[in-house]
Amino acid sequence: MFRQSIQRLAVRHQSTVAKSVPKPLSNAYISHLETRWEGLPKDDQAVLIEELKLRMQGPWQELTPAEKKAAYYISFGEWGPRKPLYGPGDRNKVFWGVVGGLAAGVGLFAFMRMFAAPSPETLDRHWQDKSDEYLKSKNANPFTGYSQVQ
């Protein structure tokens, strides 16, 4: 009796059960996934991820090229948090926005300069030279600087 239970246990221990590998996913289901991924409902995305996980648990040599592409896109593709912040046409918009802003700034500066009051006479070169002569005549300290010319 004890011997029979040991034999049954030994047979169970030595027998191997073949692990069933899921069938390959259809190419229509996973081809061009990059273009369809954002439009898929969240449930379908989760199902596809789970099916690919099951396929990847087996030998990778058995994966089809379409499955490998789909697995790579799901893991490292430009979707979700890895989606680029700017699209292909956004560089043009940013460039022309900056050019427009600079042009508006230069135009505003020129407009303000046209209607501004003339500069004071104390900023004139002749006035600054006279100030230097006056400071020299009063023996101002040349080390700290008495030059009014700027």
Protein backbone atom coordinates (compact mmCIF):
# COMPACT_ATOMS: atom_id res chain seq x y z
CA MET A 1 0.00 0.00 0.00
CA PHE A 2 2.74 2.41 0.88
CA ARG A 3 4.67 1.25 -2.18
CA GLN A 4 1.73 2.02 -4.51
CA SER A 5 1.36 5.57 -3.22
CA ILE A 6 5.12 6.13 -3.70
CA GLN A 7 4.90 4.78 -7.26
CA ARG A 8 1.98 7.07 -8.07
CA LEU A 9 3.83 10.02 -6.59
CA ALA A 10 6.97 9.13 -8.55
CA VAL A 11 5.02 8.85 -11.80
CA ARG A 12 3.37 12.21 -11.19
CA HIS A 13 6.71 13.79 -10.33
CA GLN A 14 8.50 12.42 -13.40
CA SER A 15 5.80 13.11 -15.93
CA THR A 16 6.03 16.41 -17.72
CA VAL A 17 3.04 18.31 -18.85
CA ALA A 18 3.58 20.26 -22.02
CA LYS A 19 2.84 23.90 -21.51
CA SER A 20 0.52 25.07 -24.22
CA VAL A 21 1.78 28.08 -26.10
CA PRO A 22 -0.94 30.43 -27.26
CA LYS A 23 -1.50 30.59 -30.99
CA PRO A 24 0.04 33.48 -32.92
CA LEU A 25 -2.05 36.61 -33.06
CA SER A 26 -3.51 37.40 -36.46
CA ASN A 27 -1.63 39.91 -38.59
CA ALA A 28 -4.82 41.89 -39.18
CA TYR A 29 -5.18 42.29 -35.42
CA ILE A 30 -1.70 43.65 -34.77
CA SER A 31 -0.47 45.08 -38.08
CA HIS A 32 -0.14 48.88 -38.32
CA LEU A 33 -0.67 49.14 -34.59
CA GLU A 34 1.15 52.49 -34.48
CA THR A 35 -1.63 54.17 -36.44
CA ARG A 36 -4.53 52.47 -34.63
CA TRP A 37 -3.30 52.39 -31.03
CA GLU A 38 -4.57 55.80 -29.92
CA GLY A 39 -8.03 55.08 -31.35
CA LEU A 40 -8.44 51.69 -29.66
CA PRO A 41 -10.65 51.60 -26.55
CA LYS A 42 -8.81 51.05 -23.27
CA ASP A 43 -10.34 47.59 -22.89
CA ASP A 44 -9.07 46.46 -26.28
CA GLN A 45 -5.64 47.87 -25.48
CA ALA A 46 -5.54 45.92 -22.22
CA VAL A 47 -6.65 42.69 -23.95
CA LEU A 48 -4.00 43.10 -26.65
CA ILE A 49 -1.30 43.74 -24.06
CA GLU A 50 -2.29 40.62 -22.12
CA GLU A 51 -2.34 38.45 -25.26
CA LEU A 52 1.11 39.69 -26.24
CA LYS A 53 2.38 39.02 -22.72
CA LEU A 54 1.18 35.43 -22.97
CA ARG A 55 2.87 35.03 -26.36
CA MET A 56 6.12 36.49 -25.04
CA GLN A 57 6.26 34.01 -22.18
CA GLY A 58 7.07 31.31 -24.70
CA PRO A 59 10.16 31.13 -26.90
CA TRP A 60 10.81 34.40 -28.69
CA GLN A 61 11.80 32.56 -31.87
CA GLU A 62 8.15 31.59 -32.28
CA LEU A 63 6.95 35.19 -32.29
CA THR A 64 6.02 36.54 -35.69
CA PRO A 65 7.69 39.77 -36.88
CA ALA A 66 4.36 41.59 -36.54
CA GLU A 67 4.09 40.46 -32.91
CA LYS A 68 7.63 41.64 -32.22
CA LYS A 69 6.85 45.03 -33.75
CA ALA A 70 3.64 45.31 -31.75
CA ALA A 71 5.40 44.36 -28.51
CA TYR A 72 8.14 46.92 -29.17
CA TYR A 73 5.60 49.65 -29.95
CA ILE A 74 3.57 48.91 -26.84
CA SER A 75 6.69 48.91 -24.66
CA PHE A 76 8.64 51.81 -26.18
CA GLY A 77 6.37 53.55 -28.71
CA GLU A 78 5.35 57.18 -28.85
CA TRP A 79 2.05 56.98 -27.01
CA GLY A 80 0.87 57.87 -23.53
CA PRO A 81 3.65 59.49 -21.48
CA ARG A 82 6.20 59.05 -24.30
CA LYS A 83 4.09 60.94 -26.83
CA PRO A 84 6.05 63.94 -28.21
CA LEU A 85 4.96 67.30 -26.90
CA TYR A 86 5.09 68.93 -30.32
CA GLY A 87 3.72 67.60 -33.58
CA PRO A 88 5.32 67.88 -37.02
CA GLY A 89 3.76 71.29 -37.88
CA ASP A 90 4.41 72.89 -34.51
CA ARG A 91 7.98 73.98 -35.34
CA ASN A 92 6.64 76.24 -38.07
CA LYS A 93 4.09 77.79 -35.71
CA VAL A 94 6.72 78.43 -33.04
CA PHE A 95 9.18 79.93 -35.57
CA TRP A 96 6.63 82.31 -37.06
CA GLY A 97 5.32 83.21 -33.61
CA VAL A 98 8.81 84.21 -32.48
CA VAL A 99 9.46 86.16 -35.70
CA GLY A 100 6.11 87.94 -35.31
CA GLY A 101 6.85 88.78 -31.66
CA LEU A 102 10.28 90.18 -32.53
CA ALA A 103 8.84 92.25 -35.40
CA ALA A 104 6.13 93.63 -33.12
CA GLY A 105 8.74 94.55 -30.50
CA VAL A 106 11.00 96.31 -33.01
CA GLY A 107 8.00 98.12 -34.51
CA LEU A 108 6.82 99.29 -31.08
CA PHE A 109 10.34 100.48 -30.20
CA ALA A 110 10.63 102.45 -33.48
CA PHE A 111 7.16 103.95 -32.98
CA MET A 112 8.03 105.09 -29.45
CA ARG A 113 11.36 106.54 -30.61
CA MET A 114 9.64 108.61 -33.30
CA PHE A 115 7.44 110.40 -30.78
CA ALA A 116 9.89 110.55 -27.87
CA ALA A 117 11.32 113.83 -26.59
CA PRO A 118 14.89 114.66 -27.65
CA SER A 119 17.68 113.51 -25.34
CA PRO A 120 18.73 116.00 -22.62
CA GLU A 121 21.69 118.26 -23.30
CA THR A 122 23.62 116.79 -20.38
CA LEU A 123 24.10 113.61 -22.46
CA ASP A 124 25.81 115.60 -25.22
CA ARG A 125 29.49 114.89 -25.84
CA HIS A 126 30.39 118.61 -25.51
CA TRP A 127 28.71 118.79 -22.08
CA GLN A 128 30.61 115.71 -20.87
CA ASP A 129 33.97 117.14 -22.04
CA LYS A 130 33.26 120.38 -20.15
CA SER A 131 32.40 118.34 -17.03
CA ASP A 132 35.77 116.54 -17.30
CA GLU A 133 37.62 119.87 -17.52
CA TYR A 134 35.76 121.19 -14.48
CA LEU A 135 36.59 118.08 -12.42
CA LYS A 136 40.27 118.31 -13.42
CA SER A 137 40.35 121.95 -12.36
CA LYS A 138 38.98 120.97 -8.94
CA ASN A 139 41.61 118.19 -8.60
CA ALA A 140 39.07 115.39 -8.44
CA ASN A 141 40.54 111.98 -7.70
CA PRO A 142 41.44 110.41 -11.06
CA PHE A 143 41.82 106.94 -9.52
CA THR A 144 38.14 106.66 -8.72
CA GLY A 145 37.43 108.34 -12.03
CA TYR A 146 36.26 111.75 -12.94
CA SER A 147 35.55 111.08 -16.60
CA GLN A 148 32.00 111.87 -17.53
CA VAL A 149 32.44 110.63 -21.10
CA GLN A 150 30.52 107.45 -21.57
